[in-house]
N, C-alpha and C. Protein backbone atom coordinates (compact mmCIF):
# COMPACT_ATOMS: atom_id res chain seq x y z
N MET A 1 26.52 14.97 42.20
CA MET A 1 26.68 13.54 42.23
C MET A 1 27.96 13.16 42.98
N LYS A 2 29.07 13.85 42.68
CA LYS A 2 30.33 13.55 43.34
C LYS A 2 30.24 13.85 44.84
N LYS A 3 29.54 14.93 45.19
CA LYS A 3 29.41 15.29 46.60
C LYS A 3 28.63 14.23 47.37
N LEU A 4 27.55 13.69 46.75
CA LEU A 4 26.77 12.64 47.39
C LEU A 4 27.63 11.39 47.60
N PHE A 5 28.40 11.02 46.58
CA PHE A 5 29.26 9.84 46.68
C PHE A 5 30.32 10.03 47.77
N LEU A 6 30.99 11.18 47.78
CA LEU A 6 32.03 11.44 48.78
C LEU A 6 31.46 11.48 50.19
N PHE A 7 30.28 12.09 50.35
CA PHE A 7 29.64 12.13 51.67
C PHE A 7 29.30 10.72 52.14
N SER A 8 28.69 9.91 51.26
CA SER A 8 28.32 8.54 51.63
C SER A 8 29.55 7.70 51.94
N PHE A 9 30.61 7.87 51.14
CA PHE A 9 31.85 7.12 51.36
C PHE A 9 32.47 7.48 52.71
N SER A 10 32.54 8.77 53.04
CA SER A 10 33.12 9.18 54.32
C SER A 10 32.25 8.74 55.49
N LEU A 11 30.94 8.73 55.31
CA LEU A 11 30.04 8.25 56.36
C LEU A 11 30.26 6.77 56.61
N LEU A 12 30.42 6.01 55.54
CA LEU A 12 30.65 4.58 55.68
C LEU A 12 31.98 4.29 56.36
N LEU A 13 33.03 5.04 56.00
CA LEU A 13 34.32 4.85 56.64
C LEU A 13 34.27 5.22 58.12
N SER A 14 33.56 6.30 58.44
CA SER A 14 33.47 6.69 59.84
C SER A 14 32.67 5.68 60.65
N SER A 15 31.68 5.03 60.01
CA SER A 15 30.94 4.00 60.74
C SER A 15 31.84 2.82 61.04
N GLY A 16 32.80 2.53 60.15
CA GLY A 16 33.78 1.47 60.43
C GLY A 16 34.68 1.84 61.59
N LEU A 17 35.07 3.10 61.68
CA LEU A 17 35.89 3.55 62.80
C LEU A 17 35.10 3.50 64.11
N PHE A 18 33.81 3.84 64.04
CA PHE A 18 32.94 3.75 65.21
C PHE A 18 32.89 2.31 65.71
N SER A 19 32.83 1.37 64.76
CA SER A 19 32.70 -0.03 65.16
C SER A 19 33.95 -0.52 65.89
N GLN A 20 35.11 0.08 65.61
CA GLN A 20 36.32 -0.35 66.28
C GLN A 20 36.23 -0.13 67.79
N SER A 21 35.65 0.97 68.19
CA SER A 21 35.68 1.31 69.60
C SER A 21 34.40 0.93 70.35
N GLN A 22 33.28 0.75 69.66
CA GLN A 22 32.02 0.57 70.35
C GLN A 22 31.45 -0.85 70.30
N LEU A 23 31.69 -1.58 69.24
CA LEU A 23 31.05 -2.87 69.06
C LEU A 23 32.09 -3.98 68.98
N PHE A 24 31.63 -5.20 69.18
CA PHE A 24 32.53 -6.34 69.21
C PHE A 24 32.51 -7.09 67.88
N ASN A 25 33.68 -7.49 67.40
CA ASN A 25 33.86 -8.34 66.24
C ASN A 25 33.10 -7.83 65.01
N ASN A 26 33.29 -6.60 64.67
CA ASN A 26 32.70 -6.03 63.48
C ASN A 26 33.77 -5.93 62.41
N ASN A 27 33.36 -5.59 61.19
CA ASN A 27 34.33 -5.56 60.11
C ASN A 27 33.99 -4.52 59.07
N VAL A 28 34.97 -4.25 58.24
CA VAL A 28 34.80 -3.43 57.04
C VAL A 28 35.15 -4.33 55.87
N SER A 29 34.32 -4.31 54.84
CA SER A 29 34.57 -5.17 53.68
C SER A 29 34.74 -4.34 52.42
N LEU A 30 35.59 -4.83 51.53
CA LEU A 30 35.81 -4.22 50.24
C LEU A 30 35.76 -5.33 49.22
N GLY A 31 34.87 -5.20 48.23
CA GLY A 31 34.70 -6.30 47.30
C GLY A 31 34.52 -5.88 45.86
N TYR A 32 34.81 -6.82 44.97
CA TYR A 32 34.52 -6.68 43.55
C TYR A 32 33.08 -7.13 43.35
N LEU A 33 32.28 -6.28 42.75
CA LEU A 33 30.87 -6.55 42.52
C LEU A 33 30.64 -6.76 41.04
N ALA A 34 30.00 -7.87 40.68
CA ALA A 34 29.65 -8.13 39.29
C ALA A 34 28.13 -8.18 39.20
N HIS A 35 27.52 -7.05 38.95
CA HIS A 35 26.07 -6.95 38.83
C HIS A 35 25.65 -7.63 37.53
N MET A 36 24.71 -8.54 37.62
CA MET A 36 24.26 -9.35 36.50
C MET A 36 25.41 -10.17 35.89
N GLY A 37 26.49 -10.30 36.63
CA GLY A 37 27.63 -11.08 36.19
C GLY A 37 28.54 -10.39 35.20
N ILE A 38 28.10 -9.27 34.59
CA ILE A 38 28.89 -8.65 33.53
C ILE A 38 29.15 -7.17 33.75
N GLN A 39 28.49 -6.54 34.71
CA GLN A 39 28.69 -5.12 34.96
C GLN A 39 29.65 -4.96 36.13
N PRO A 40 30.92 -4.62 35.88
CA PRO A 40 31.93 -4.57 36.94
C PRO A 40 31.72 -3.38 37.88
N GLY A 41 32.10 -3.60 39.13
CA GLY A 41 31.97 -2.53 40.11
C GLY A 41 32.72 -2.83 41.39
N ILE A 42 32.52 -1.96 42.36
CA ILE A 42 33.17 -2.08 43.65
C ILE A 42 32.14 -1.81 44.74
N LYS A 43 32.29 -2.49 45.87
CA LYS A 43 31.37 -2.33 46.98
C LYS A 43 32.15 -2.24 48.28
N ILE A 44 31.78 -1.29 49.12
CA ILE A 44 32.38 -1.16 50.44
C ILE A 44 31.26 -1.22 51.46
N GLY A 45 31.51 -1.90 52.56
CA GLY A 45 30.47 -2.05 53.58
C GLY A 45 31.05 -2.32 54.94
N SER A 46 30.16 -2.44 55.90
CA SER A 46 30.56 -2.72 57.28
C SER A 46 29.48 -3.57 57.92
N ASP A 47 29.87 -4.48 58.79
CA ASP A 47 28.90 -5.30 59.54
C ASP A 47 28.92 -4.88 61.00
N PHE A 48 27.75 -4.68 61.57
CA PHE A 48 27.61 -4.38 62.99
C PHE A 48 26.86 -5.53 63.65
N THR A 49 27.46 -6.15 64.64
CA THR A 49 26.81 -7.24 65.35
C THR A 49 25.74 -6.67 66.26
N LEU A 50 24.51 -7.12 66.06
CA LEU A 50 23.40 -6.67 66.91
C LEU A 50 23.23 -7.56 68.13
N LYS A 51 23.31 -8.88 67.92
CA LYS A 51 23.18 -9.83 69.01
C LYS A 51 23.93 -11.09 68.61
N SER A 52 24.71 -11.64 69.54
CA SER A 52 25.42 -12.88 69.26
C SER A 52 25.00 -13.95 70.25
N PHE A 53 25.01 -15.18 69.76
CA PHE A 53 24.65 -16.34 70.57
C PHE A 53 25.81 -17.32 70.48
N ASN A 54 26.61 -17.43 71.51
CA ASN A 54 27.72 -18.37 71.51
C ASN A 54 27.22 -19.69 72.07
N SER A 55 27.33 -20.72 71.25
CA SER A 55 26.85 -22.03 71.69
C SER A 55 27.85 -23.11 71.30
N GLU A 56 28.29 -23.87 72.29
CA GLU A 56 29.20 -25.00 72.09
C GLU A 56 30.42 -24.65 71.26
N GLY A 57 30.99 -23.49 71.49
CA GLY A 57 32.21 -23.08 70.79
C GLY A 57 31.97 -22.49 69.42
N GLY A 58 30.76 -22.57 68.89
CA GLY A 58 30.45 -21.99 67.59
C GLY A 58 29.96 -20.56 67.75
N TYR A 59 29.48 -20.02 66.67
CA TYR A 59 29.00 -18.65 66.70
C TYR A 59 27.71 -18.55 65.89
N LYS A 60 26.76 -17.83 66.44
CA LYS A 60 25.53 -17.48 65.74
C LYS A 60 25.22 -16.05 66.12
N GLY A 61 24.77 -15.25 65.16
CA GLY A 61 24.48 -13.87 65.50
C GLY A 61 23.67 -13.14 64.45
N LEU A 62 23.08 -12.05 64.89
CA LEU A 62 22.33 -11.15 64.02
C LEU A 62 23.20 -9.94 63.70
N PHE A 63 23.14 -9.46 62.48
CA PHE A 63 23.98 -8.33 62.10
C PHE A 63 23.21 -7.35 61.21
N LEU A 64 23.73 -6.14 61.15
CA LEU A 64 23.23 -5.09 60.28
C LEU A 64 24.41 -4.61 59.44
N SER A 65 24.20 -4.48 58.14
CA SER A 65 25.32 -4.17 57.24
C SER A 65 24.96 -3.06 56.26
N PRO A 66 25.43 -1.81 56.50
CA PRO A 66 25.27 -0.75 55.50
C PRO A 66 26.35 -0.89 54.43
N GLN A 67 25.97 -0.60 53.18
CA GLN A 67 26.90 -0.78 52.07
C GLN A 67 26.72 0.31 51.02
N LEU A 68 27.78 0.59 50.30
CA LEU A 68 27.77 1.54 49.20
C LEU A 68 28.49 0.89 48.03
N ALA A 69 27.85 0.92 46.85
CA ALA A 69 28.44 0.27 45.67
C ALA A 69 28.38 1.19 44.47
N TYR A 70 29.33 0.96 43.57
CA TYR A 70 29.35 1.63 42.27
C TYR A 70 29.63 0.57 41.23
N PHE A 71 28.80 0.50 40.20
CA PHE A 71 29.06 -0.42 39.10
C PHE A 71 28.63 0.25 37.80
N VAL A 72 29.16 -0.25 36.69
CA VAL A 72 28.99 0.42 35.42
C VAL A 72 28.68 -0.59 34.32
N ASN A 73 27.84 -0.19 33.39
CA ASN A 73 27.64 -0.91 32.16
C ASN A 73 28.27 -0.01 31.09
N PRO A 74 29.49 -0.30 30.65
CA PRO A 74 30.26 0.63 29.81
C PRO A 74 29.46 1.15 28.61
N GLU A 75 29.56 2.46 28.40
CA GLU A 75 28.90 3.15 27.30
C GLU A 75 27.37 3.17 27.40
N ILE A 76 26.81 2.70 28.53
CA ILE A 76 25.35 2.70 28.68
C ILE A 76 24.91 3.43 29.95
N ASN A 77 25.43 2.99 31.14
CA ASN A 77 24.99 3.64 32.38
C ASN A 77 26.03 3.51 33.49
N ASN A 78 25.90 4.38 34.49
CA ASN A 78 26.67 4.35 35.74
C ASN A 78 25.67 4.21 36.87
N ASN A 79 26.01 3.41 37.89
CA ASN A 79 25.06 3.11 38.95
C ASN A 79 25.70 3.27 40.33
N PHE A 80 24.96 3.89 41.24
CA PHE A 80 25.33 3.96 42.64
C PHE A 80 24.25 3.23 43.43
N LEU A 81 24.66 2.42 44.39
CA LEU A 81 23.71 1.66 45.20
C LEU A 81 24.02 1.88 46.67
N LEU A 82 23.03 2.35 47.41
CA LEU A 82 23.12 2.49 48.86
C LEU A 82 22.20 1.43 49.44
N ASN A 83 22.74 0.51 50.23
CA ASN A 83 22.00 -0.67 50.65
C ASN A 83 22.22 -0.95 52.13
N VAL A 84 21.20 -1.50 52.78
CA VAL A 84 21.31 -1.95 54.17
C VAL A 84 20.77 -3.37 54.24
N GLU A 85 21.54 -4.27 54.88
CA GLU A 85 21.11 -5.67 55.02
C GLU A 85 20.98 -6.03 56.49
N PHE A 86 20.00 -6.86 56.79
CA PHE A 86 19.81 -7.42 58.12
C PHE A 86 19.89 -8.93 57.96
N GLY A 87 20.77 -9.58 58.76
CA GLY A 87 20.97 -10.99 58.52
C GLY A 87 21.35 -11.81 59.74
N TYR A 88 21.55 -13.10 59.46
CA TYR A 88 21.89 -14.10 60.46
C TYR A 88 23.15 -14.83 60.00
N LYS A 89 24.18 -14.86 60.86
CA LYS A 89 25.47 -15.47 60.53
C LYS A 89 25.73 -16.64 61.46
N THR A 90 26.26 -17.75 60.91
CA THR A 90 26.61 -18.91 61.72
C THR A 90 28.01 -19.39 61.38
N GLN A 91 28.66 -19.95 62.41
CA GLN A 91 29.96 -20.59 62.24
C GLN A 91 29.99 -21.78 63.16
N LYS A 92 30.28 -22.96 62.63
CA LYS A 92 30.29 -24.19 63.43
C LYS A 92 31.53 -24.24 64.31
N PRO A 93 31.44 -24.94 65.42
CA PRO A 93 32.59 -25.05 66.33
C PRO A 93 33.82 -25.66 65.63
N GLY A 94 34.98 -25.04 65.83
CA GLY A 94 36.22 -25.55 65.29
C GLY A 94 36.43 -25.29 63.80
N LYS A 95 35.51 -24.60 63.16
CA LYS A 95 35.62 -24.32 61.73
C LYS A 95 35.99 -22.86 61.50
N THR A 96 36.67 -22.59 60.40
CA THR A 96 37.01 -21.21 60.07
C THR A 96 36.04 -20.63 59.05
N PHE A 97 35.23 -21.48 58.40
CA PHE A 97 34.25 -21.00 57.43
C PHE A 97 32.98 -20.54 58.14
N TYR A 98 32.32 -19.55 57.57
CA TYR A 98 31.03 -19.10 58.10
C TYR A 98 30.06 -18.96 56.93
N SER A 99 28.78 -18.90 57.24
CA SER A 99 27.77 -18.60 56.24
C SER A 99 26.78 -17.61 56.83
N ALA A 100 26.17 -16.83 55.95
CA ALA A 100 25.22 -15.81 56.41
C ALA A 100 24.09 -15.67 55.39
N PHE A 101 22.90 -15.48 55.91
CA PHE A 101 21.73 -15.20 55.10
C PHE A 101 21.22 -13.83 55.51
N SER A 102 20.81 -13.02 54.52
CA SER A 102 20.32 -11.68 54.86
C SER A 102 19.27 -11.22 53.86
N ILE A 103 18.51 -10.22 54.32
CA ILE A 103 17.58 -9.52 53.44
C ILE A 103 18.04 -8.07 53.40
N GLY A 104 17.87 -7.44 52.25
CA GLY A 104 18.35 -6.08 52.11
C GLY A 104 17.32 -5.16 51.51
N SER A 105 17.54 -3.90 51.74
CA SER A 105 16.71 -2.86 51.16
C SER A 105 17.64 -1.76 50.67
N GLY A 106 17.52 -1.41 49.39
CA GLY A 106 18.47 -0.47 48.82
C GLY A 106 17.83 0.58 47.95
N TYR A 107 18.64 1.60 47.67
CA TYR A 107 18.29 2.68 46.75
C TYR A 107 19.36 2.73 45.69
N LYS A 108 18.94 2.64 44.43
CA LYS A 108 19.89 2.68 43.32
C LYS A 108 19.63 3.94 42.49
N LEU A 109 20.69 4.68 42.24
CA LEU A 109 20.66 5.86 41.39
C LEU A 109 21.41 5.50 40.12
N GLN A 110 20.71 5.59 38.98
CA GLN A 110 21.32 5.22 37.71
C GLN A 110 21.35 6.44 36.78
N SER A 111 22.52 6.71 36.23
CA SER A 111 22.68 7.75 35.21
C SER A 111 22.89 7.02 33.89
N TYR A 112 21.91 7.12 33.00
CA TYR A 112 22.02 6.39 31.75
C TYR A 112 21.99 7.35 30.56
N ILE A 113 22.53 6.89 29.45
CA ILE A 113 22.56 7.69 28.23
C ILE A 113 21.21 7.54 27.54
N LYS A 114 20.49 8.66 27.46
CA LYS A 114 19.16 8.64 26.84
C LYS A 114 19.28 8.76 25.32
N SER A 115 20.18 9.62 24.87
CA SER A 115 20.37 9.79 23.43
C SER A 115 21.78 10.31 23.16
N VAL A 116 22.22 10.12 21.94
CA VAL A 116 23.52 10.60 21.49
C VAL A 116 23.29 11.44 20.24
N ASN A 117 23.83 12.64 20.24
CA ASN A 117 23.72 13.54 19.09
C ASN A 117 25.08 13.68 18.42
N VAL A 118 25.08 13.67 17.09
CA VAL A 118 26.30 13.82 16.31
C VAL A 118 26.18 15.08 15.48
N ASP A 119 27.16 15.96 15.61
CA ASP A 119 27.24 17.15 14.77
C ASP A 119 27.93 16.75 13.47
N LEU A 120 27.17 16.74 12.38
CA LEU A 120 27.72 16.25 11.11
C LEU A 120 28.82 17.16 10.56
N GLY A 121 28.78 18.43 10.93
CA GLY A 121 29.81 19.36 10.45
C GLY A 121 31.16 19.11 11.10
N SER A 122 31.17 18.95 12.43
CA SER A 122 32.44 18.80 13.15
C SER A 122 32.72 17.36 13.58
N GLY A 123 31.69 16.53 13.59
CA GLY A 123 31.87 15.15 14.03
C GLY A 123 31.84 14.98 15.54
N ASP A 124 31.51 16.06 16.27
CA ASP A 124 31.45 15.98 17.73
C ASP A 124 30.24 15.20 18.20
N LEU A 125 30.45 14.41 19.26
CA LEU A 125 29.37 13.65 19.88
C LEU A 125 28.96 14.33 21.17
N SER A 126 27.67 14.36 21.44
CA SER A 126 27.18 14.83 22.73
C SER A 126 26.15 13.83 23.24
N GLN A 127 26.25 13.53 24.53
CA GLN A 127 25.35 12.56 25.14
C GLN A 127 24.36 13.28 26.04
N ASN A 128 23.11 12.88 25.95
CA ASN A 128 22.08 13.37 26.86
C ASN A 128 21.83 12.28 27.89
N ARG A 129 22.10 12.60 29.16
CA ARG A 129 21.93 11.63 30.24
C ARG A 129 20.69 11.94 31.04
N GLU A 130 20.15 10.89 31.65
CA GLU A 130 18.98 11.03 32.50
C GLU A 130 19.17 10.17 33.75
N LEU A 131 18.57 10.59 34.85
CA LEU A 131 18.66 9.84 36.11
C LEU A 131 17.42 8.99 36.32
N ARG A 132 17.63 7.79 36.85
CA ARG A 132 16.54 6.91 37.27
C ARG A 132 16.77 6.56 38.73
N HIS A 133 15.68 6.41 39.47
CA HIS A 133 15.73 6.07 40.90
C HIS A 133 15.00 4.75 41.11
N TYR A 134 15.68 3.79 41.74
CA TYR A 134 15.12 2.46 41.95
C TYR A 134 15.05 2.13 43.44
N PHE A 135 14.03 1.36 43.81
CA PHE A 135 13.98 0.70 45.11
C PHE A 135 14.39 -0.74 44.86
N VAL A 136 15.36 -1.24 45.67
CA VAL A 136 15.95 -2.55 45.40
C VAL A 136 15.90 -3.45 46.64
N PRO A 137 14.86 -4.28 46.81
CA PRO A 137 14.87 -5.29 47.88
C PRO A 137 15.63 -6.54 47.40
N THR A 138 16.41 -7.15 48.31
CA THR A 138 17.23 -8.30 47.93
C THR A 138 17.20 -9.38 49.00
N ILE A 139 17.56 -10.59 48.59
CA ILE A 139 17.90 -11.66 49.52
C ILE A 139 19.32 -12.10 49.16
N ASN A 140 20.10 -12.45 50.18
CA ASN A 140 21.53 -12.68 49.97
C ASN A 140 22.01 -13.92 50.71
N TYR A 141 22.99 -14.58 50.12
CA TYR A 141 23.70 -15.67 50.79
C TYR A 141 25.18 -15.35 50.71
N GLU A 142 25.86 -15.41 51.84
CA GLU A 142 27.29 -15.11 51.91
C GLU A 142 28.01 -16.25 52.62
N PHE A 143 29.20 -16.58 52.13
CA PHE A 143 30.07 -17.49 52.86
C PHE A 143 31.49 -16.97 52.76
N GLY A 144 32.28 -17.31 53.74
CA GLY A 144 33.65 -16.82 53.75
C GLY A 144 34.48 -17.52 54.79
N MET A 145 35.70 -17.04 54.96
CA MET A 145 36.63 -17.64 55.90
C MET A 145 37.59 -16.58 56.40
N ALA A 146 37.85 -16.61 57.69
CA ALA A 146 38.87 -15.74 58.27
C ALA A 146 40.19 -16.50 58.23
N PHE A 147 41.13 -16.04 57.38
CA PHE A 147 42.41 -16.75 57.30
C PHE A 147 43.42 -16.20 58.29
N ARG A 148 43.10 -15.10 58.93
CA ARG A 148 43.86 -14.56 60.06
C ARG A 148 42.84 -13.99 61.02
N LYS A 149 43.31 -13.61 62.22
CA LYS A 149 42.39 -13.02 63.19
C LYS A 149 41.80 -11.71 62.71
N SER A 150 42.55 -10.97 61.92
CA SER A 150 42.09 -9.64 61.51
C SER A 150 41.64 -9.55 60.06
N THR A 151 41.82 -10.59 59.24
CA THR A 151 41.42 -10.52 57.84
C THR A 151 40.77 -11.82 57.39
N GLY A 152 40.00 -11.72 56.34
CA GLY A 152 39.34 -12.87 55.76
C GLY A 152 38.80 -12.55 54.38
N TRP A 153 38.30 -13.57 53.69
CA TRP A 153 37.69 -13.37 52.38
C TRP A 153 36.22 -13.74 52.47
N TYR A 154 35.46 -13.28 51.51
CA TYR A 154 34.05 -13.64 51.46
C TYR A 154 33.56 -13.68 50.01
N SER A 155 32.46 -14.36 49.82
CA SER A 155 31.78 -14.42 48.53
C SER A 155 30.29 -14.28 48.81
N LYS A 156 29.61 -13.52 47.98
CA LYS A 156 28.19 -13.27 48.22
C LYS A 156 27.41 -13.38 46.92
N LEU A 157 26.24 -14.00 47.01
CA LEU A 157 25.31 -14.09 45.90
C LEU A 157 24.06 -13.33 46.28
N THR A 158 23.61 -12.43 45.41
CA THR A 158 22.45 -11.58 45.68
C THR A 158 21.40 -11.78 44.60
N TYR A 159 20.15 -11.87 45.03
CA TYR A 159 19.01 -11.95 44.12
C TYR A 159 17.98 -10.92 44.57
N GLY A 160 17.39 -10.21 43.63
CA GLY A 160 16.38 -9.23 44.00
C GLY A 160 15.67 -8.65 42.80
N HIS A 161 14.94 -7.59 43.05
CA HIS A 161 14.21 -6.88 42.00
C HIS A 161 14.49 -5.39 42.12
N GLU A 162 14.48 -4.72 40.98
CA GLU A 162 14.61 -3.27 40.94
C GLU A 162 13.25 -2.71 40.56
N TYR A 163 12.68 -1.89 41.45
CA TYR A 163 11.38 -1.29 41.19
C TYR A 163 11.57 0.14 40.73
N LEU A 164 10.98 0.45 39.56
CA LEU A 164 11.11 1.78 38.98
C LEU A 164 9.73 2.42 38.83
N GLY A 165 8.96 2.41 39.88
CA GLY A 165 7.65 3.05 39.85
C GLY A 165 6.73 2.43 38.81
N ALA A 166 6.11 3.28 37.99
CA ALA A 166 5.13 2.84 37.00
C ALA A 166 5.75 2.08 35.84
N GLU A 167 7.07 2.19 35.66
CA GLU A 167 7.72 1.52 34.53
C GLU A 167 7.95 0.04 34.78
N GLY A 168 7.67 -0.46 35.98
CA GLY A 168 7.79 -1.88 36.23
C GLY A 168 9.02 -2.28 37.00
N THR A 169 9.34 -3.57 36.92
CA THR A 169 10.46 -4.12 37.69
C THR A 169 11.39 -4.88 36.76
N SER A 170 12.58 -5.14 37.27
CA SER A 170 13.52 -6.02 36.60
C SER A 170 14.26 -6.82 37.66
N MET A 171 14.62 -8.04 37.30
CA MET A 171 15.31 -8.93 38.22
C MET A 171 16.80 -8.60 38.22
N ILE A 172 17.44 -8.77 39.39
CA ILE A 172 18.89 -8.61 39.46
C ILE A 172 19.52 -9.83 40.10
N ILE A 173 20.68 -10.16 39.62
CA ILE A 173 21.53 -11.18 40.23
C ILE A 173 22.92 -10.56 40.28
N ALA A 174 23.55 -10.62 41.44
CA ALA A 174 24.89 -10.05 41.58
C ALA A 174 25.80 -11.03 42.31
N ILE A 175 27.04 -11.01 41.94
CA ILE A 175 28.07 -11.84 42.59
C ILE A 175 29.11 -10.88 43.15
N GLU A 176 29.57 -11.17 44.35
CA GLU A 176 30.56 -10.30 45.00
C GLU A 176 31.66 -11.16 45.61
N LEU A 177 32.90 -10.75 45.41
CA LEU A 177 34.06 -11.40 46.00
C LEU A 177 34.90 -10.32 46.66
N GLY A 178 35.34 -10.57 47.90
CA GLY A 178 36.07 -9.50 48.54
C GLY A 178 36.86 -9.90 49.77
N LEU A 179 37.36 -8.87 50.43
CA LEU A 179 38.22 -9.00 51.61
C LEU A 179 37.55 -8.29 52.78
N LYS A 180 37.62 -8.90 53.97
CA LYS A 180 37.09 -8.29 55.20
C LYS A 180 38.23 -8.05 56.17
N VAL A 181 38.16 -6.91 56.84
CA VAL A 181 39.10 -6.58 57.91
C VAL A 181 38.28 -6.53 59.18
N TYR A 182 38.64 -7.36 60.17
CA TYR A 182 37.88 -7.48 61.41
C TYR A 182 38.47 -6.59 62.50
N PHE A 183 37.57 -6.02 63.31
CA PHE A 183 37.95 -5.22 64.45
C PHE A 183 37.35 -5.83 65.69
N SER A 184 38.11 -5.89 66.78
CA SER A 184 37.63 -6.46 68.04
C SER A 184 37.92 -5.50 69.17
N LYS A 185 37.10 -5.57 70.21
CA LYS A 185 37.37 -4.80 71.41
C LYS A 185 38.56 -5.40 72.14
N ASN A 186 39.40 -4.56 72.67
CA ASN A 186 40.56 -5.06 73.45
C ASN A 186 40.21 -5.10 74.92
């Protein structure tokens, strides 16, 4: 599990370094993720501009955003989410605020506590954990502002479903607040 997380994290960081030299106006984001509003976590991602349309001083563009998240429901489960979003971003002329709409497709790995055993003689607790694998399609709305040329803040609202094969689905709502670091070609 740790090896998968470290590999994914290093891949995501290297994709951010790739964006510095190859693509225009891309960023790396780091945010606080509140899955269902109460499960705290962290999310790191990067945006790659696929196509931009500059019109009348404003900005419109298509982007692709790979992301990696970790969030926890204390004493119940730990979750890793690998997600990719495809979206459309707009910024009006003369404004520093932007908004973006995107659709995402993700894979969630959940390690949850299936049972707890108590040894009555010693009082020791042992937990039996099990893994669950989810497919997570989402729709997202993001808005933010660049308060400097190289940094900005963002807020994102996510709605989607978690599909667990034959066991059914569950709805998800997540809120994210974070910081973006922008990279530009010189």
